[in-house]
PDB file of N, CA and C in Angstrom:
ATOM      1  N   MET A   1      79.580 101.188  96.682  1.00  0.00           N
ATOM      2  CA  MET A   1      80.003 101.321  98.053  1.00  0.00           C
ATOM      3  C   MET A   1      80.257 102.803  98.361  1.00  0.00           C
ATOM      4  N   ALA A   2      79.233 103.470  98.747  1.00  0.00           N
ATOM      5  CA  ALA A   2      79.370 104.892  99.071  1.00  0.00           C
ATOM      6  C   ALA A   2      79.969 105.051 100.461  1.00  0.00           C
ATOM      7  N   LEU A   3      80.606 106.176 100.667  1.00  0.00           N
ATOM      8  CA  LEU A   3      81.173 106.488 101.973  1.00  0.00           C
ATOM      9  C   LEU A   3      80.098 107.119 102.843  1.00  0.00           C
ATOM     10  N   SER A   4      80.136 106.823 104.126  1.00  0.00           N
ATOM     11  CA  SER A   4      79.210 107.475 105.037  1.00  0.00           C
ATOM     12  C   SER A   4      79.640 108.927 105.244  1.00  0.00           C
ATOM     13  N   LYS A   5      78.739 109.724 105.777  1.00  0.00           N
ATOM     14  CA  LYS A   5      79.053 111.140 105.982  1.00  0.00           C
ATOM     15  C   LYS A   5      80.238 111.322 106.912  1.00  0.00           C
ATOM     16  N   GLU A   6      80.337 110.490 107.941  1.00  0.00           N
ATOM     17  CA  GLU A   6      81.440 110.601 108.895  1.00  0.00           C
ATOM     18  C   GLU A   6      82.771 110.255 108.243  1.00  0.00           C
ATOM     19  N   GLU A   7      82.782 109.183 107.446  1.00  0.00           N
ATOM     20  CA  GLU A   7      84.018 108.801 106.753  1.00  0.00           C
ATOM     21  C   GLU A   7      84.462 109.887 105.791  1.00  0.00           C
ATOM     22  N   LYS A   8      83.500 110.423 105.043  1.00  0.00           N
ATOM     23  CA  LYS A   8      83.821 111.462 104.079  1.00  0.00           C
ATOM     24  C   LYS A   8      84.345 112.712 104.779  1.00  0.00           C
ATOM     25  N   LYS A   9      83.733 113.058 105.897  1.00  0.00           N
ATOM     26  CA  LYS A   9      84.149 114.242 106.640  1.00  0.00           C
ATOM     27  C   LYS A   9      85.567 114.089 107.173  1.00  0.00           C
ATOM     28  N   THR A  10      85.905 112.921 107.703  1.00  0.00           N
ATOM     29  CA  THR A  10      87.253 112.725 108.235  1.00  0.00           C
ATOM     30  C   THR A  10      88.307 112.747 107.129  1.00  0.00           C
ATOM     31  N   VAL A  11      87.990 112.156 105.981  1.00  0.00           N
ATOM     32  CA  VAL A  11      88.938 112.161 104.865  1.00  0.00           C
ATOM     33  C   VAL A  11      89.167 113.590 104.382  1.00  0.00           C
ATOM     34  N   ILE A  12      88.104 114.364 104.291  1.00  0.00           N
ATOM     35  CA  ILE A  12      88.237 115.762 103.850  1.00  0.00           C
ATOM     36  C   ILE A  12      89.072 116.546 104.850  1.00  0.00           C
ATOM     37  N   GLU A  13      88.820 116.366 106.144  1.00  0.00           N
ATOM     38  CA  GLU A  13      89.560 117.112 107.160  1.00  0.00           C
ATOM     39  C   GLU A  13      91.044 116.750 107.170  1.00  0.00           C
ATOM     40  N   GLU A  14      91.370 115.505 106.876  1.00  0.00           N
ATOM     41  CA  GLU A  14      92.764 115.076 106.882  1.00  0.00           C
ATOM     42  C   GLU A  14      93.549 115.597 105.677  1.00  0.00           C
ATOM     43  N   ASN A  15      92.859 115.879 104.568  1.00  0.00           N
ATOM     44  CA  ASN A  15      93.566 116.184 103.324  1.00  0.00           C
ATOM     45  C   ASN A  15      93.309 117.572 102.769  1.00  0.00           C
ATOM     46  N   ARG A  16      92.540 118.372 103.435  1.00  0.00           N
ATOM     47  CA  ARG A  16      92.234 119.693 102.885  1.00  0.00           C
ATOM     48  C   ARG A  16      93.399 120.654 103.057  1.00  0.00           C
ATOM     49  N   LEU A  17      93.410 121.658 102.187  1.00  0.00           N
ATOM     50  CA  LEU A  17      94.484 122.643 102.206  1.00  0.00           C
ATOM     51  C   LEU A  17      94.184 123.794 103.161  1.00  0.00           C
ATOM     52  N   ASP A  18      92.902 124.196 103.270  1.00  0.00           N
ATOM     53  CA  ASP A  18      92.497 125.221 104.222  1.00  0.00           C
ATOM     54  C   ASP A  18      91.118 124.858 104.770  1.00  0.00           C
ATOM     55  N   GLU A  19      90.533 125.732 105.557  1.00  0.00           N
ATOM     56  CA  GLU A  19      89.293 125.399 106.259  1.00  0.00           C
ATOM     57  C   GLU A  19      88.108 125.163 105.324  1.00  0.00           C
ATOM     58  N   LYS A  20      88.065 125.862 104.203  1.00  0.00           N
ATOM     59  CA  LYS A  20      86.917 125.755 103.307  1.00  0.00           C
ATOM     60  C   LYS A  20      87.161 124.829 102.121  1.00  0.00           C
ATOM     61  N   ASP A  21      88.274 124.138 102.093  1.00  0.00           N
ATOM     62  CA  ASP A  21      88.642 123.296 100.966  1.00  0.00           C
ATOM     63  C   ASP A  21      87.881 121.981 101.004  1.00  0.00           C
ATOM     64  N   THR A  22      87.099 121.717  99.953  1.00  0.00           N
ATOM     65  CA  THR A  22      86.426 120.426  99.832  1.00  0.00           C
ATOM     66  C   THR A  22      86.622 119.810  98.458  1.00  0.00           C
ATOM     67  N   GLY A  23      87.250 120.537  97.516  1.00  0.00           N
ATOM     68  CA  GLY A  23      87.327 120.022  96.166  1.00  0.00           C
ATOM     69  C   GLY A  23      88.688 120.070  95.522  1.00  0.00           C
ATOM     70  N   SER A  24      89.741 120.282  96.310  1.00  0.00           N
ATOM     71  CA  SER A  24      91.076 120.305  95.715  1.00  0.00           C
ATOM     72  C   SER A  24      91.456 118.904  95.245  1.00  0.00           C
ATOM     73  N   CYS A  25      92.509 118.831  94.453  1.00  0.00           N
ATOM     74  CA  CYS A  25      92.963 117.535  93.938  1.00  0.00           C
ATOM     75  C   CYS A  25      93.265 116.566  95.076  1.00  0.00           C
ATOM     76  N   GLU A  26      93.905 117.058  96.124  1.00  0.00           N
ATOM     77  CA  GLU A  26      94.265 116.191  97.238  1.00  0.00           C
ATOM     78  C   GLU A  26      93.028 115.556  97.869  1.00  0.00           C
ATOM     79  N   VAL A  27      91.999 116.355  98.078  1.00  0.00           N
ATOM     80  CA  VAL A  27      90.775 115.851  98.699  1.00  0.00           C
ATOM     81  C   VAL A  27      90.093 114.853  97.773  1.00  0.00           C
ATOM     82  N   GLN A  28      89.986 115.193  96.498  1.00  0.00           N
ATOM     83  CA  GLN A  28      89.338 114.286  95.554  1.00  0.00           C
ATOM     84  C   GLN A  28      90.074 112.957  95.446  1.00  0.00           C
ATOM     85  N   ILE A  29      91.388 112.998  95.395  1.00  0.00           N
ATOM     86  CA  ILE A  29      92.181 111.768  95.288  1.00  0.00           C
ATOM     87  C   ILE A  29      92.040 110.937  96.558  1.00  0.00           C
ATOM     88  N   ALA A  30      92.036 111.590  97.710  1.00  0.00           N
ATOM     89  CA  ALA A  30      91.889 110.858  98.971  1.00  0.00           C
ATOM     90  C   ALA A  30      90.515 110.198  99.064  1.00  0.00           C
ATOM     91  N   LEU A  31      89.466 110.897  98.637  1.00  0.00           N
ATOM     92  CA  LEU A  31      88.123 110.310  98.657  1.00  0.00           C
ATOM     93  C   LEU A  31      88.027 109.128  97.696  1.00  0.00           C
ATOM     94  N   LEU A  32      88.600 109.273  96.514  1.00  0.00           N
ATOM     95  CA  LEU A  32      88.591 108.161  95.558  1.00  0.00           C
ATOM     96  C   LEU A  32      89.369 106.965  96.094  1.00  0.00           C
ATOM     97  N   THR A  33      90.491 107.230  96.755  1.00  0.00           N
ATOM     98  CA  THR A  33      91.297 106.149  97.319  1.00  0.00           C
ATOM     99  C   THR A  33      90.508 105.395  98.382  1.00  0.00           C
ATOM    100  N   LYS A  34      89.783 106.117  99.221  1.00  0.00           N
ATOM    101  CA  LYS A  34      88.973 105.479 100.261  1.00  0.00           C
ATOM    102  C   LYS A  34      87.876 104.618  99.641  1.00  0.00           C
ATOM    103  N   ARG A  35      87.211 105.143  98.593  1.00  0.00           N
ATOM    104  CA  ARG A  35      86.162 104.367  97.924  1.00  0.00           C
ATOM    105  C   ARG A  35      86.733 103.131  97.238  1.00  0.00           C
ATOM    106  N   ILE A  36      87.906 103.267  96.617  1.00  0.00           N
ATOM    107  CA  ILE A  36      88.546 102.140  95.943  1.00  0.00           C
ATOM    108  C   ILE A  36      88.923 101.066  96.958  1.00  0.00           C
ATOM    109  N   THR A  37      89.391 101.488  98.128  1.00  0.00           N
ATOM    110  CA  THR A  37      89.744 100.529  99.176  1.00  0.00           C
ATOM    111  C   THR A  37      88.524  99.728  99.619  1.00  0.00           C
ATOM    112  N   LYS A  38      87.398 100.414  99.810  1.00  0.00           N
ATOM    113  CA  LYS A  38      86.175  99.720 100.208  1.00  0.00           C
ATOM    114  C   LYS A  38      85.691  98.780  99.113  1.00  0.00           C
ATOM    115  N   LEU A  39      85.759  99.219  97.859  1.00  0.00           N
ATOM    116  CA  LEU A  39      85.331  98.364  96.759  1.00  0.00           C
ATOM    117  C   LEU A  39      86.245  97.161  96.581  1.00  0.00           C
ATOM    118  N   THR A  40      87.524  97.325  96.866  1.00  0.00           N
ATOM    119  CA  THR A  40      88.461  96.200  96.774  1.00  0.00           C
ATOM    120  C   THR A  40      88.085  95.110  97.773  1.00  0.00           C
ATOM    121  N   ALA A  41      87.746  95.522  98.985  1.00  0.00           N
ATOM    122  CA  ALA A  41      87.314  94.539  99.984  1.00  0.00           C
ATOM    123  C   ALA A  41      86.024  93.853  99.545  1.00  0.00           C
ATOM    124  N   HIS A  42      85.121  94.608  98.941  1.00  0.00           N
ATOM    125  CA  HIS A  42      83.876  94.032  98.445  1.00  0.00           C
ATOM    126  C   HIS A  42      84.149  93.043  97.312  1.00  0.00           C
ATOM    127  N   MET A  43      85.079  93.382  96.440  1.00  0.00           N
ATOM    128  CA  MET A  43      85.377  92.515  95.297  1.00  0.00           C
ATOM    129  C   MET A  43      86.056  91.216  95.715  1.00  0.00           C
ATOM    130  N   ILE A  44      86.791  91.248  96.814  1.00  0.00           N
ATOM    131  CA  ILE A  44      87.400  90.013  97.309  1.00  0.00           C
ATOM    132  C   ILE A  44      86.311  89.035  97.763  1.00  0.00           C
ATOM    133  N   ALA A  45      85.278  89.570  98.404  1.00  0.00           N
ATOM    134  CA  ALA A  45      84.190  88.716  98.882  1.00  0.00           C
ATOM    135  C   ALA A  45      83.233  88.321  97.760  1.00  0.00           C
ATOM    136  N   ASN A  46      83.088  89.155  96.740  1.00  0.00           N
ATOM    137  CA  ASN A  46      82.126  88.924  95.660  1.00  0.00           C
ATOM    138  C   ASN A  46      82.838  88.992  94.314  1.00  0.00           C
ATOM    139  N   LYS A  47      83.455  87.896  93.945  1.00  0.00           N
ATOM    140  CA  LYS A  47      84.315  87.886  92.764  1.00  0.00           C
ATOM    141  C   LYS A  47      83.554  88.067  91.457  1.00  0.00           C
ATOM    142  N   HIS A  48      82.287  87.720  91.418  1.00  0.00           N
ATOM    143  CA  HIS A  48      81.530  87.780  90.174  1.00  0.00           C
ATOM    144  C   HIS A  48      80.622  89.000  90.082  1.00  0.00           C
ATOM    145  N   ASP A  49      80.882  90.008  90.880  1.00  0.00           N
ATOM    146  CA  ASP A  49      80.112  91.252  90.824  1.00  0.00           C
ATOM    147  C   ASP A  49      80.761  92.161  89.793  1.00  0.00           C
ATOM    148  N   TYR A  50      80.381  91.957  88.543  1.00  0.00           N
ATOM    149  CA  TYR A  50      81.061  92.641  87.446  1.00  0.00           C
ATOM    150  C   TYR A  50      80.691  94.117  87.355  1.00  0.00           C
ATOM    151  N   SER A  51      79.494  94.472  87.773  1.00  0.00           N
ATOM    152  CA  SER A  51      79.122  95.892  87.720  1.00  0.00           C
ATOM    153  C   SER A  51      79.930  96.694  88.743  1.00  0.00           C
ATOM    154  N   SER A  52      80.204  96.113  89.893  1.00  0.00           N
ATOM    155  CA  SER A  52      81.056  96.804  90.863  1.00  0.00           C
ATOM    156  C   SER A  52      82.491  96.881  90.367  1.00  0.00           C
ATOM    157  N   LYS A  53      82.942  95.859  89.652  1.00  0.00           N
ATOM    158  CA  LYS A  53      84.286  95.883  89.074  1.00  0.00           C
ATOM    159  C   LYS A  53      84.410  97.005  88.060  1.00  0.00           C
ATOM    160  N   ARG A  54      83.387  97.172  87.238  1.00  0.00           N
ATOM    161  CA  ARG A  54      83.397  98.250  86.252  1.00  0.00           C
ATOM    162  C   ARG A  54      83.417  99.607  86.941  1.00  0.00           C
ATOM    163  N   GLY A  55      82.621  99.761  87.988  1.00  0.00           N
ATOM    164  CA  GLY A  55      82.615 101.011  88.739  1.00  0.00           C
ATOM    165  C   GLY A  55      83.964 101.295  89.376  1.00  0.00           C
ATOM    166  N   MET A  56      84.603 100.257  89.902  1.00  0.00           N
ATOM    167  CA  MET A  56      85.918 100.435  90.506  1.00  0.00           C
ATOM    168  C   MET A  56      86.947 100.817  89.448  1.00  0.00           C
ATOM    169  N   ASP A  57      86.861 100.227  88.258  1.00  0.00           N
ATOM    170  CA  ASP A  57      87.776 100.591  87.177  1.00  0.00           C
ATOM    171  C   ASP A  57      87.612 102.062  86.786  1.00  0.00           C
ATOM    172  N   ILE A  58      86.389 102.555  86.789  1.00  0.00           N
ATOM    173  CA  ILE A  58      86.132 103.965  86.480  1.00  0.00           C
ATOM    174  C   ILE A  58      86.742 104.859  87.549  1.00  0.00           C
ATOM    175  N   LEU A  59      86.596 104.483  88.823  1.00  0.00           N
ATOM    176  CA  LEU A  59      87.170 105.264  89.914  1.00  0.00           C
ATOM    177  C   LEU A  59      88.694 105.285  89.832  1.00  0.00           C
ATOM    178  N   ILE A  60      89.289 104.156  89.499  1.00  0.00           N
ATOM    179  CA  ILE A  60      90.744 104.079  89.381  1.00  0.00           C
ATOM    180  C   ILE A  60      91.231 104.978  88.249  1.00  0.00           C
ATOM    181  N   ALA A  61      90.512 104.983  87.127  1.00  0.00           N
ATOM    182  CA  ALA A  61      90.902 105.837  86.000  1.00  0.00           C
ATOM    183  C   ALA A  61      90.779 107.316  86.367  1.00  0.00           C
ATOM    184  N   ARG A  62      89.714 107.674  87.091  1.00  0.00           N
ATOM    185  CA  ARG A  62      89.541 109.063  87.513  1.00  0.00           C
ATOM    186  C   ARG A  62      90.655 109.490  88.454  1.00  0.00           C
ATOM    187  N   ARG A  63      91.017 108.603  89.397  1.00  0.00           N
ATOM    188  CA  ARG A  63      92.111 108.919  90.321  1.00  0.00           C
ATOM    189  C   ARG A  63      93.434 109.049  89.574  1.00  0.00           C
ATOM    190  N   LYS A  64      93.657 108.196  88.583  1.00  0.00           N
ATOM    191  CA  LYS A  64      94.885 108.256  87.792  1.00  0.00           C
ATOM    192  C   LYS A  64      94.993 109.588  87.061  1.00  0.00           C
ATOM    193  N   ASN A  65      93.886 110.060  86.481  1.00  0.00           N
ATOM    194  CA  ASN A  65      93.894 111.337  85.787  1.00  0.00           C
ATOM    195  C   ASN A  65      94.168 112.487  86.746  1.00  0.00           C
ATOM    196  N   LEU A  66      93.563 112.471  87.923  1.00  0.00           N
ATOM    197  CA  LEU A  66      93.809 113.520  88.910  1.00  0.00           C
ATOM    198  C   LEU A  66      95.257 113.494  89.388  1.00  0.00           C
ATOM    199  N   LEU A  67      95.806 112.306  89.585  1.00  0.00           N
ATOM    200  CA  LEU A  67      97.202 112.205  90.009  1.00  0.00           C
ATOM    201  C   LEU A  67      98.152 112.737  88.940  1.00  0.00           C
ATOM    202  N   SER A  68      97.879 112.432  87.683  1.00  0.00           N
ATOM    203  CA  SER A  68      98.763 112.933  86.625  1.00  0.00           C
ATOM    204  C   SER A  68      98.648 114.447  86.499  1.00  0.00           C
ATOM    205  N   TYR A  69      97.458 115.008  86.706  1.00  0.00           N
ATOM    206  CA  TYR A  69      97.300 116.457  86.687  1.00  0.00           C
ATOM    207  C   TYR A  69      98.083 117.101  87.828  1.00  0.00           C
ATOM    208  N   LEU A  70      97.952 116.526  89.025  1.00  0.00           N
ATOM    209  CA  LEU A  70      98.659 117.077  90.182  1.00  0.00           C
ATOM    210  C   LEU A  70     100.169 116.975  89.995  1.00  0.00           C
ATOM    211  N   LYS A  71     100.628 115.886  89.417  1.00  0.00           N
ATOM    212  CA  LYS A  71     102.060 115.712  89.168  1.00  0.00           C
ATOM    213  C   LYS A  71     102.576 116.755  88.182  1.00  0.00           C
ATOM    214  N   ALA A  72     101.776 117.079  87.179  1.00  0.00           N
ATOM    215  CA  ALA A  72     102.194 118.056  86.173  1.00  0.00           C
ATOM    216  C   ALA A  72     102.185 119.478  86.714  1.00  0.00           C
ATOM    217  N   THR A  73     101.273 119.775  87.640  1.00  0.00           N
ATOM    218  CA  THR A  73     101.153 121.148  88.138  1.00  0.00           C
ATOM    219  C   THR A  73     102.014 121.422  89.358  1.00  0.00           C
ATOM    220  N   ASP A  74     102.083 120.471  90.292  1.00  0.00           N
ATOM    221  CA  ASP A  74     102.847 120.703  91.524  1.00  0.00           C
ATOM    222  C   ASP A  74     103.438 119.381  92.000  1.00  0.00           C
ATOM    223  N   LEU A  75     104.677 119.146  91.655  1.00  0.00           N
ATOM    224  CA  LEU A  75     105.332 117.866  91.935  1.00  0.00           C
ATOM    225  C   LEU A  75     105.453 117.592  93.428  1.00  0.00           C
ATOM    226  N   GLN A  76     105.757 118.599  94.225  1.00  0.00           N
ATOM    227  CA  GLN A  76     105.943 118.377  95.660  1.00  0.00           C
ATOM    228  C   GLN A  76     104.630 117.956  96.334  1.00  0.00           C
ATOM    229  N   ARG A  77     103.530 118.600  95.984  1.00  0.00           N
ATOM    230  CA  ARG A  77     102.225 118.196  96.537  1.00  0.00           C
ATOM    231  C   ARG A  77     101.886 116.774  96.119  1.00  0.00           C
ATOM    232  N   TYR A  78     102.231 116.409  94.880  1.00  0.00           N
ATOM    233  CA  TYR A  78     102.008 115.058  94.380  1.00  0.00           C
ATOM    234  C   TYR A  78     102.791 114.036  95.201  1.00  0.00           C
ATOM    235  N   LEU A  79     104.063 114.315  95.431  1.00  0.00           N
ATOM    236  CA  LEU A  79     104.899 113.385  96.188  1.00  0.00           C
ATOM    237  C   LEU A  79     104.427 113.256  97.635  1.00  0.00           C
ATOM    238  N   ASP A  80     104.047 114.379  98.242  1.00  0.00           N
ATOM    239  CA  ASP A  80     103.545 114.344  99.616  1.00  0.00           C
ATOM    240  C   ASP A  80     102.270 113.519  99.718  1.00  0.00           C
ATOM    241  N   LEU A  81     101.367 113.718  98.761  1.00  0.00           N
ATOM    242  CA  LEU A  81     100.090 113.008  98.794  1.00  0.00           C
ATOM    243  C   LEU A  81     100.262 111.513  98.570  1.00  0.00           C
ATOM    244  N   THR A  82     101.092 111.136  97.604  1.00  0.00           N
ATOM    245  CA  THR A  82     101.288 109.710  97.342  1.00  0.00           C
ATOM    246  C   THR A  82     101.936 109.018  98.533  1.00  0.00           C
ATOM    247  N   GLN A  83     102.823 109.708  99.210  1.00  0.00           N
ATOM    248  CA  GLN A  83     103.434 109.123 100.402  1.00  0.00           C
ATOM    249  C   GLN A  83     102.403 109.003 101.526  1.00  0.00           C
ATOM    250  N   LYS A  84     101.586 110.017 101.690  1.00  0.00           N
ATOM    251  CA  LYS A  84     100.579 110.027 102.750  1.00  0.00           C
ATOM    252  C   LYS A  84      99.530 108.927 102.550  1.00  0.00           C
ATOM    253  N   LEU A  85      99.099 108.729 101.298  1.00  0.00           N
ATOM    254  CA  LEU A  85      98.064 107.743 101.006  1.00  0.00           C
ATOM    255  C   LEU A  85      98.615 106.347 100.746  1.00  0.00           C
ATOM    256  N   GLY A  86      99.935 106.228 100.626  1.00  0.00           N
ATOM    257  CA  GLY A  86     100.540 104.923 100.386  1.00  0.00           C
ATOM    258  C   GLY A  86     100.415 104.468  98.953  1.00  0.00           C
ATOM    259  N   LEU A  87     100.373 105.411  98.019  1.00  0.00           N
ATOM    260  CA  LEU A  87     100.290 105.076  96.596  1.00  0.00           C
ATOM    261  C   LEU A  87     101.689 105.075  95.983  1.00  0.00           C
ATOM    262  N   LYS A  88     101.833 104.379  94.864  1.00  0.00           N
ATOM    263  CA  LYS A  88     103.120 104.390  94.164  1.00  0.00           C
ATOM    264  C   LYS A  88     103.267 105.694  93.404  1.00  0.00           C
ATOM    265  N   ALA A  89     104.388 106.343  93.575  1.00  0.00           N
ATOM    266  CA  ALA A  89     104.676 107.566  92.825  1.00  0.00           C
ATOM    267  C   ALA A  89     105.396 107.176  91.551  1.00  0.00           C
ATOM    268  N   ASN A  90     104.791 107.485  90.417  1.00  0.00           N
ATOM    269  CA  ASN A  90     105.410 107.131  89.136  1.00  0.00           C
ATOM    270  C   ASN A  90     106.195 108.283  88.604  1.00  0.00           C
TER     271      ASN A  90
END
């Protein structure tokens, strides 16, 4: 479940740190969260799509690693992002 160009552009604009930012932790985590949300809806409709489940598990693990990195480097940015995206802050 890839994101369309418009969806990706809006997510980047909402979470970027400056005008040229496209790859900061915040942007990457927000993009992964959007993809995970779309895949979750797909998995509810298609319970036996195991390849999509595996892909979603990989995305969740990647987001978890980025979140732990952000938490270790800048706690305030981590807390702001988790609140903004509605994720649990551990």
